[in-house]
Amino acid sequence: MQIKNILNHSFLHFLTLLLFKQKNKHLGAVLISVIIIFLLSAVLFLSSSLQYSTLNILKTQADFSVSRVQAGRAVNTPMKWIDQIIEINGVSKVAPRVYGRYFFTPREKSFLVVGVDFFDEQNSEVFQKILENLNIKDFLSTESMVVGEGVKVFLEKHYFKEYFTFKTPKGNFKKVKIAKTLSKESNLIANDMIIMPIDLAREIFGMEEDEVTDITFSVPNDAEWDNIITKLHLMFYDVRVVEKREVKKAYENLYNYKGGLFLILYLITIVTFILILYQRYSMVYSTERKEIGILRAIGWSIQDILKLKFYENLIIVMISFIIGVVLAYFYVFILNAPLLSQIFLGGANLTNSVTFIPVIKFGLLGSIFLFYAVPFLAAVLIPAWKVAVTPPKEAML
């Protein structure tokens, strides 16, 4: 009983001494652990933030878009379809849309040109935040456009500071004024975007006045969605219907796929690290064997020794995990994830600089901790247990 009390009083003091005495041994494990946890946490923070921002943007989008298809490829959609779609019960906020890629041939870059009817109810809701503080009256008085930050930077590098000249399919040139640059907060969707009046976009793409790229509309009652799709296919034989649920699922799959690749690499790395750690602790140094043997000789039980090793390495695990997660948070949400962000955003077209909204999934972080901590502790405790069960004389040899 007296020995037990001594152990209880000296346990914390001995644990602290052990941590400082073997700090050089622990530093290597901490460093590798921090790197592994930092990389995975950064990827998960980035993926969660992009999913959150993208899904919030999708909430303002129309529920459906309809376009015409011929011979398996999209063609211009006739405006007369709008009148027929409006007549379908349950449909609201029907709007035409013109958009497409305009390629800047000399540099092999492209801009997403979006033609908008600024007085349309659906488009007003979608672009309300993006086009805040824009004087619509002055904007529409001349042939003008609003450009994303990436477009603005690219055009200025090529000496287009106030105007940009488009070349139409008919060989004509169209000089358009740069009226405003979109805020950096909209870079996720609008970095390479150019927004202009719908008639001007038609002219640049060589479309007729009675043609649009597609038609969007909403259906407030979710239960009617499948019924509406059936009606559209019966009404138009050459129609393609894209619903918001499909777009949402596509984005989720995209970010989950990219995050999953890093998760696979993480699992491979952590397994390799644990194997190395297990091998390292299996080859217990003679001083560590003697320490365990002395503790057994003075009355420490196997349970006490395992508890000592457990808390010793649990502290290492906690320190590594906290440092790794904090560094990942700083890297993603303060520094905006340089280099890593391009893997998710893509860097083939215009360079994008996005401000990421802090989104943390604590359940996911808890899973990462368990996947890391349990194998780590097992790799340390199993070799310690093998030494602890041996007679003290053999351990001290």
Protein backbone atom coordinates (compact mmCIF):
# COMPACT_ATOMS: atom_id res chain seq x y z
CA MET A 1 0.00 0.00 0.00
CA GLN A 2 2.89 2.31 0.90
CA ILE A 3 4.63 1.53 -2.44
CA LYS A 4 1.36 2.28 -4.26
CA ASN A 5 1.12 5.71 -2.59
CA ILE A 6 4.71 6.49 -3.49
CA LEU A 7 3.97 5.59 -7.11
CA ASN A 8 0.91 7.81 -7.16
CA HIS A 9 2.82 10.82 -5.79
CA SER A 10 5.91 10.41 -7.96
CA PHE A 11 4.22 9.35 -11.21
CA LEU A 12 3.71 12.85 -12.67
CA HIS A 13 7.19 14.00 -11.59
CA PHE A 14 8.81 10.93 -13.12
CA LEU A 15 6.78 11.32 -16.32
CA THR A 16 7.97 14.93 -16.68
CA LEU A 17 11.59 13.95 -16.13
CA LEU A 18 11.26 11.15 -18.68
CA LEU A 19 9.89 13.52 -21.33
CA PHE A 20 12.73 16.01 -20.89
CA LYS A 21 15.42 13.35 -20.61
CA GLN A 22 14.39 11.70 -23.89
CA LYS A 23 13.41 14.91 -25.71
CA ASN A 24 15.84 14.29 -28.58
CA LYS A 25 14.22 10.91 -29.25
CA HIS A 26 10.74 12.43 -29.26
CA LEU A 27 11.58 15.43 -31.45
CA GLY A 28 11.98 13.28 -34.58
CA ALA A 29 8.60 11.60 -34.05
CA VAL A 30 6.94 14.98 -33.38
CA LEU A 31 8.45 16.55 -36.50
CA ILE A 32 7.31 13.75 -38.83
CA SER A 33 3.88 13.61 -37.16
CA VAL A 34 3.36 17.37 -37.50
CA ILE A 35 4.19 17.24 -41.22
CA ILE A 36 1.79 14.35 -41.86
CA ILE A 37 -1.08 15.88 -39.85
CA PHE A 38 -0.44 19.34 -41.31
CA LEU A 39 -0.70 18.11 -44.91
CA LEU A 40 -3.88 16.10 -44.40
CA SER A 41 -5.56 18.77 -42.25
CA ALA A 42 -4.71 21.44 -44.83
CA VAL A 43 -6.28 19.36 -47.61
CA LEU A 44 -9.41 18.70 -45.54
CA PHE A 45 -9.74 22.38 -44.55
CA LEU A 46 -9.34 23.41 -48.18
CA SER A 47 -11.80 20.83 -49.47
CA SER A 48 -14.41 21.68 -46.79
CA SER A 49 -14.10 25.42 -47.43
CA LEU A 50 -14.49 25.02 -51.20
CA GLN A 51 -17.48 22.72 -50.79
CA TYR A 52 -19.13 25.15 -48.37
CA SER A 53 -18.57 28.17 -50.66
CA THR A 54 -19.66 26.29 -53.78
CA LEU A 55 -22.84 24.95 -52.21
CA ASN A 56 -23.73 28.42 -50.92
CA ILE A 57 -23.34 29.78 -54.45
CA LEU A 58 -25.51 26.99 -55.84
CA LYS A 59 -28.32 27.96 -53.46
CA THR A 60 -28.85 31.16 -55.46
CA GLN A 61 -28.81 29.38 -58.82
CA ALA A 62 -31.91 28.29 -60.73
CA ASP A 63 -33.13 24.76 -60.11
CA PHE A 64 -32.98 23.74 -63.79
CA SER A 65 -31.28 24.71 -67.01
CA VAL A 66 -32.59 23.61 -70.39
CA SER A 67 -30.58 23.56 -73.61
CA ARG A 68 -31.03 22.20 -77.10
CA VAL A 69 -29.05 19.19 -78.29
CA GLN A 70 -28.54 17.98 -81.84
CA ALA A 71 -26.44 14.97 -82.84
CA GLY A 72 -25.26 14.67 -79.24
CA ARG A 73 -23.84 18.19 -78.95
CA ALA A 74 -25.26 21.40 -77.53
CA VAL A 75 -26.54 24.00 -79.99
CA ASN A 76 -28.20 27.38 -79.54
CA THR A 77 -31.58 27.23 -77.85
CA PRO A 78 -34.55 29.08 -79.41
CA MET A 79 -36.09 31.87 -77.32
CA LYS A 80 -39.60 30.62 -78.17
CA TRP A 81 -39.06 27.75 -75.74
CA ILE A 82 -39.42 30.28 -72.90
CA ASP A 83 -43.14 30.82 -73.61
CA GLN A 84 -43.76 27.07 -73.58
CA ILE A 85 -41.82 26.52 -70.35
CA ILE A 86 -43.69 29.34 -68.57
CA GLU A 87 -46.99 27.53 -69.25
CA ILE A 88 -45.90 24.47 -67.24
CA ASN A 89 -47.58 24.47 -63.81
CA GLY A 90 -45.14 24.89 -60.91
CA VAL A 91 -42.43 26.65 -62.93
CA SER A 92 -41.21 30.11 -61.90
CA LYS A 93 -38.39 32.61 -62.62
CA VAL A 94 -37.81 31.56 -66.24
CA ALA A 95 -34.79 33.41 -67.71
CA PRO A 96 -32.69 33.23 -70.88
CA ARG A 97 -28.92 32.87 -70.56
CA VAL A 98 -26.03 33.45 -72.94
CA TYR A 99 -22.56 32.28 -71.98
CA GLY A 100 -19.49 30.72 -73.49
CA ARG A 101 -15.72 30.73 -73.65
CA TYR A 102 -13.99 33.53 -75.53
CA PHE A 103 -10.44 32.48 -76.42
CA PHE A 104 -7.65 35.03 -76.46
CA THR A 105 -5.67 33.30 -79.19
CA PRO A 106 -2.22 34.90 -78.81
CA ARG A 107 -1.87 33.65 -75.21
CA GLU A 108 -4.11 30.56 -75.39
CA LYS A 109 -6.17 31.81 -72.45
CA SER A 110 -9.94 32.05 -72.25
CA PHE A 111 -12.60 34.13 -70.50
CA LEU A 112 -16.07 32.98 -69.48
CA VAL A 113 -18.38 35.54 -71.07
CA VAL A 114 -21.82 35.68 -69.44
CA GLY A 115 -24.64 37.67 -71.02
CA VAL A 116 -27.20 38.84 -68.47
CA ASP A 117 -30.59 40.48 -68.66
CA PHE A 118 -30.05 42.82 -65.71
CA PHE A 119 -33.78 43.41 -65.26
CA ASP A 120 -34.64 39.72 -65.03
CA GLU A 121 -35.74 38.54 -61.58
CA GLN A 122 -33.67 35.33 -61.53
CA ASN A 123 -30.47 37.00 -62.76
CA SER A 124 -30.93 39.88 -60.32
CA GLU A 125 -30.85 37.44 -57.39
CA VAL A 126 -27.82 35.56 -58.70
CA PHE A 127 -25.70 38.62 -59.47
CA GLN A 128 -26.96 40.93 -56.74
CA LYS A 129 -23.97 40.43 -54.45
CA ILE A 130 -21.41 40.14 -57.26
CA LEU A 131 -22.55 43.38 -58.91
CA GLU A 132 -23.12 45.41 -55.75
CA ASN A 133 -22.48 49.18 -56.04
CA LEU A 134 -22.80 48.99 -59.84
CA ASN A 135 -24.81 51.83 -61.36
CA ILE A 136 -26.93 49.89 -63.88
CA LYS A 137 -28.13 53.03 -65.67
CA ASP A 138 -24.61 54.28 -66.41
CA PHE A 139 -23.47 50.74 -67.17
CA LEU A 140 -26.12 50.17 -69.83
CA SER A 141 -25.68 53.59 -71.42
CA THR A 142 -22.49 52.37 -73.15
CA GLU A 143 -21.23 48.96 -74.29
CA SER A 144 -19.59 47.94 -71.03
CA MET A 145 -18.64 44.85 -69.07
CA VAL A 146 -17.72 43.79 -65.55
CA VAL A 147 -14.64 41.57 -65.26
CA GLY A 148 -13.25 39.20 -62.67
CA GLU A 149 -9.99 39.96 -60.91
CA GLY A 150 -8.05 37.38 -62.94
CA VAL A 151 -9.35 38.86 -66.20
CA LYS A 152 -8.46 42.40 -65.06
CA VAL A 153 -4.88 41.41 -64.21
CA PHE A 154 -4.46 39.52 -67.48
CA LEU A 155 -5.83 42.36 -69.63
CA GLU A 156 -3.66 44.96 -67.93
CA LYS A 157 -0.58 42.87 -68.65
CA HIS A 158 -1.55 43.03 -72.33
CA TYR A 159 -2.21 46.79 -72.25
CA PHE A 160 -6.02 46.61 -72.17
CA LYS A 161 -6.57 48.97 -69.24
CA GLU A 162 -9.91 50.62 -70.00
CA TYR A 163 -11.25 48.75 -73.02
CA PHE A 164 -10.98 45.32 -74.58
CA THR A 165 -11.63 44.57 -78.25
CA PHE A 166 -13.50 41.35 -79.02
CA LYS A 167 -13.39 39.69 -82.43
CA THR A 168 -16.76 38.30 -83.48
CA PRO A 169 -17.27 35.16 -85.64
CA LYS A 170 -18.21 37.46 -88.54
CA GLY A 171 -14.77 39.07 -88.45
CA ASN A 172 -15.91 42.33 -86.90
CA PHE A 173 -14.27 43.98 -83.88
CA LYS A 174 -16.23 45.06 -80.85
CA LYS A 175 -14.69 47.53 -78.41
CA VAL A 176 -16.14 47.11 -74.90
CA LYS A 177 -15.45 49.30 -71.88
CA ILE A 178 -14.22 47.75 -68.62
CA ALA A 179 -16.68 49.33 -66.19
CA LYS A 180 -15.88 47.49 -62.97
CA THR A 181 -13.76 44.74 -61.47
CA LEU A 182 -15.47 42.14 -59.29
CA SER A 183 -14.37 41.83 -55.67
CA LYS A 184 -11.80 39.26 -54.62
CA GLU A 185 -14.45 37.46 -52.55
CA SER A 186 -16.14 36.34 -55.79
CA ASN A 187 -12.95 34.82 -57.26
CA LEU A 188 -14.09 31.25 -56.67
CA ILE A 189 -16.72 31.54 -59.42
CA ALA A 190 -15.89 34.80 -61.19
CA ASN A 191 -12.11 35.04 -61.45
CA ASP A 192 -12.10 34.46 -65.23
CA MET A 193 -15.65 35.75 -65.80
CA ILE A 194 -16.85 38.68 -67.91
CA ILE A 195 -20.41 39.88 -67.30
CA MET A 196 -22.14 42.00 -69.94
CA PRO A 197 -25.64 42.70 -71.33
CA ILE A 198 -27.19 39.69 -73.04
CA ASP A 199 -27.52 41.37 -76.45
CA LEU A 200 -23.82 42.30 -76.47
CA ALA A 201 -22.89 38.70 -75.60
CA ARG A 202 -25.04 37.45 -78.50
CA GLU A 203 -23.15 39.72 -80.88
CA ILE A 204 -19.74 38.59 -79.65
CA PHE A 205 -20.67 34.91 -80.05
CA GLY A 206 -22.42 35.48 -83.40
CA MET A 207 -25.84 34.37 -82.16
CA GLU A 208 -29.20 35.42 -83.59
CA GLU A 209 -31.57 37.66 -81.63
CA ASP A 210 -33.99 34.78 -81.05
CA GLU A 211 -31.28 32.41 -79.70
CA VAL A 212 -29.74 31.85 -76.28
CA THR A 213 -27.28 29.34 -74.82
CA ASP A 214 -29.84 27.87 -72.43
CA ILE A 215 -32.91 28.71 -70.38
CA THR A 216 -33.04 28.56 -66.59
CA PHE A 217 -36.02 28.25 -64.28
CA SER A 218 -36.93 27.21 -60.76
CA VAL A 219 -39.49 24.82 -59.30
CA PRO A 220 -40.23 25.71 -55.64
CA ASN A 221 -41.89 22.35 -54.92
CA ASP A 222 -39.15 19.68 -54.84
CA ALA A 223 -41.73 16.93 -55.20
CA GLU A 224 -42.55 18.21 -58.70
CA TRP A 225 -38.99 18.04 -60.04
CA ASP A 226 -39.19 14.60 -61.64
CA ASN A 227 -42.61 15.41 -63.07
CA ILE A 228 -41.29 18.65 -64.63
CA ILE A 229 -38.37 16.81 -66.23
CA THR A 230 -40.78 14.31 -67.80
CA LYS A 231 -42.95 17.12 -69.18
CA LEU A 232 -39.92 18.84 -70.73
CA HIS A 233 -38.84 15.67 -72.51
CA LEU A 234 -42.36 15.19 -73.85
CA MET A 235 -42.52 18.82 -74.95
CA PHE A 236 -39.11 18.98 -76.68
CA TYR A 237 -37.56 15.95 -78.35
CA ASP A 238 -34.06 17.50 -78.55
CA VAL A 239 -33.70 18.87 -75.03
CA ARG A 240 -31.06 18.44 -72.32
CA VAL A 241 -32.19 19.14 -68.76
CA VAL A 242 -29.63 19.75 -66.02
CA GLU A 243 -30.93 19.99 -62.47
CA LYS A 244 -29.19 21.67 -59.55
CA ARG A 245 -28.94 18.39 -57.65
CA GLU A 246 -26.69 16.97 -60.37
CA VAL A 247 -24.43 20.02 -60.32
CA LYS A 248 -24.21 19.89 -56.53
CA LYS A 249 -23.33 16.19 -56.58
CA ALA A 250 -20.70 16.78 -59.28
CA TYR A 251 -18.94 19.44 -57.20
CA GLU A 252 -19.08 17.28 -54.07
CA ASN A 253 -17.60 14.33 -55.95
CA LEU A 254 -14.87 16.52 -57.44
CA TYR A 255 -13.66 17.87 -54.10
CA ASN A 256 -14.12 14.53 -52.34
CA TYR A 257 -12.10 12.84 -55.10
CA LYS A 258 -9.21 15.26 -54.78
CA GLY A 259 -9.35 15.09 -50.99
CA GLY A 260 -9.57 11.29 -51.20
CA LEU A 261 -6.32 11.11 -53.15
CA PHE A 262 -4.54 12.90 -50.31
CA LEU A 263 -6.28 10.64 -47.78
CA ILE A 264 -4.91 7.56 -49.55
CA LEU A 265 -1.43 9.09 -49.53
CA TYR A 266 -1.91 9.92 -45.84
CA LEU A 267 -2.85 6.32 -45.00
CA ILE A 268 0.17 4.99 -46.91
CA THR A 269 2.44 7.46 -45.16
CA ILE A 270 1.03 6.85 -41.70
CA VAL A 271 1.30 3.06 -42.10
CA THR A 272 4.93 3.42 -43.19
CA PHE A 273 5.64 5.75 -40.28
CA ILE A 274 4.01 3.41 -37.74
CA LEU A 275 5.99 0.44 -39.06
CA ILE A 276 9.21 2.39 -38.70
CA LEU A 277 8.13 3.53 -35.23
CA TYR A 278 7.27 -0.03 -34.22
CA GLN A 279 10.62 -1.29 -35.47
CA ARG A 280 12.36 1.54 -33.62
CA TYR A 281 10.68 0.74 -30.29
CA SER A 282 11.07 -3.01 -30.79
CA MET A 283 14.83 -2.46 -30.76
CA VAL A 284 14.65 -0.99 -27.25
CA TYR A 285 17.91 0.58 -26.11
CA SER A 286 19.70 -1.02 -23.18
CA THR A 287 19.17 2.12 -21.05
CA GLU A 288 15.41 1.96 -21.63
CA ARG A 289 15.37 -1.76 -20.84
CA LYS A 290 17.27 -1.05 -17.62
CA GLU A 291 14.83 1.71 -16.70
CA ILE A 292 11.88 -0.65 -17.09
CA GLY A 293 13.76 -3.39 -15.19
CA ILE A 294 14.57 -1.02 -12.29
CA LEU A 295 10.96 0.15 -12.10
CA ARG A 296 9.80 -3.48 -11.98
CA ALA A 297 12.38 -4.24 -9.29
CA ILE A 298 11.25 -1.41 -7.00
CA GLY A 299 7.65 -2.53 -7.16
CA TRP A 300 6.10 -1.01 -10.27
CA SER A 301 3.57 -3.34 -11.86
CA ILE A 302 3.28 -4.02 -15.59
CA GLN A 303 0.15 -1.87 -15.58
CA ASP A 304 2.04 1.06 -14.01
CA ILE A 305 4.80 0.87 -16.62
CA LEU A 306 2.34 0.69 -19.50
CA LYS A 307 0.45 3.64 -18.01
CA LEU A 308 3.70 5.61 -17.82
CA LYS A 309 4.53 4.86 -21.47
CA PHE A 310 0.96 5.55 -22.51
CA TYR A 311 0.87 9.04 -20.98
CA GLU A 312 4.39 9.81 -22.17
CA ASN A 313 3.49 9.12 -25.79
CA LEU A 314 -0.05 10.49 -25.51
CA ILE A 315 1.51 13.87 -24.72
CA ILE A 316 3.68 13.51 -27.84
CA VAL A 317 0.60 12.63 -29.93
CA MET A 318 -1.42 15.57 -28.56
CA ILE A 319 1.40 18.07 -29.12
CA SER A 320 1.97 16.82 -32.68
CA PHE A 321 -1.73 16.87 -33.53
CA ILE A 322 -2.38 20.36 -32.12
CA ILE A 323 0.67 21.88 -33.83
CA GLY A 324 -0.18 20.19 -37.14
CA VAL A 325 -3.82 21.35 -37.11
CA VAL A 326 -2.96 24.93 -36.04
CA LEU A 327 -0.31 25.22 -38.77
CA ALA A 328 -2.79 23.86 -41.34
CA TYR A 329 -5.42 26.38 -40.24
CA PHE A 330 -2.93 29.24 -40.54
CA TYR A 331 -1.71 27.99 -43.93
CA VAL A 332 -5.20 27.64 -45.46
CA PHE A 333 -7.27 30.41 -43.88
CA ILE A 334 -4.60 33.04 -43.25
CA LEU A 335 -2.13 32.45 -46.10
CA ASN A 336 -4.84 31.14 -48.51
CA ALA A 337 -2.99 27.87 -49.17
CA PRO A 338 -0.33 28.86 -51.73
CA LEU A 339 0.59 26.03 -54.16
CA LEU A 340 -1.93 23.58 -52.66
CA SER A 341 -4.92 25.71 -53.69
CA GLN A 342 -3.95 25.41 -57.36
CA ILE A 343 -4.46 21.63 -57.16
CA PHE A 344 -8.11 22.22 -56.27
CA LEU A 345 -8.74 25.39 -58.28
CA GLY A 346 -6.69 24.46 -61.32
CA GLY A 347 -4.03 26.67 -62.84
CA ALA A 348 -4.33 25.88 -66.55
CA ASN A 349 -6.20 29.10 -67.37
CA LEU A 350 -5.98 32.40 -65.45
CA THR A 351 -4.23 32.41 -62.08
CA ASN A 352 -6.79 32.45 -59.29
CA SER A 353 -6.42 33.87 -55.80
CA VAL A 354 -9.25 32.84 -53.48
CA THR A 355 -10.00 33.85 -49.90
CA PHE A 356 -11.10 30.67 -48.13
CA ILE A 357 -13.93 30.76 -45.59
CA PRO A 358 -12.98 28.92 -42.36
CA VAL A 359 -14.93 25.67 -42.23
CA ILE A 360 -13.86 22.99 -39.74
CA LYS A 361 -15.46 19.56 -39.48
CA PHE A 362 -14.61 18.46 -35.95
CA GLY A 363 -15.90 14.93 -36.55
CA LEU A 364 -13.42 14.54 -39.39
CA LEU A 365 -10.58 15.94 -37.30
CA GLY A 366 -11.50 13.48 -34.55
CA SER A 367 -11.29 10.62 -37.03
CA ILE A 368 -7.86 11.80 -38.18
CA PHE A 369 -6.71 11.91 -34.57
CA LEU A 370 -7.89 8.36 -33.90
CA PHE A 371 -6.34 7.01 -37.12
CA TYR A 372 -3.07 8.62 -36.08
CA ALA A 373 -3.07 8.18 -32.28
CA VAL A 374 -4.18 4.54 -31.97
CA PRO A 375 -1.50 3.04 -34.29
CA PHE A 376 1.13 5.37 -32.80
CA LEU A 377 0.39 4.31 -29.24
CA ALA A 378 0.15 0.64 -30.22
CA ALA A 379 3.55 0.81 -31.93
CA VAL A 380 5.06 2.09 -28.65
CA LEU A 381 3.14 0.13 -26.02
CA ILE A 382 3.53 -3.34 -27.55
CA PRO A 383 7.38 -3.32 -27.40
CA ALA A 384 7.23 -1.75 -23.89
CA TRP A 385 4.88 -4.50 -22.76
CA LYS A 386 7.24 -7.19 -24.10
CA VAL A 387 10.05 -5.78 -21.94
CA ALA A 388 7.82 -5.23 -18.91
CA VAL A 389 6.69 -8.89 -18.79
CA THR A 390 10.25 -10.16 -18.74
CA PRO A 391 11.89 -10.75 -15.32
CA PRO A 392 13.62 -7.58 -13.98
CA LYS A 393 17.06 -9.29 -13.99
CA GLU A 394 16.83 -10.05 -17.71
CA ALA A 395 15.62 -6.53 -18.51
CA MET A 396 18.59 -4.99 -16.66
CA LEU A 397 21.22 -7.13 -18.42
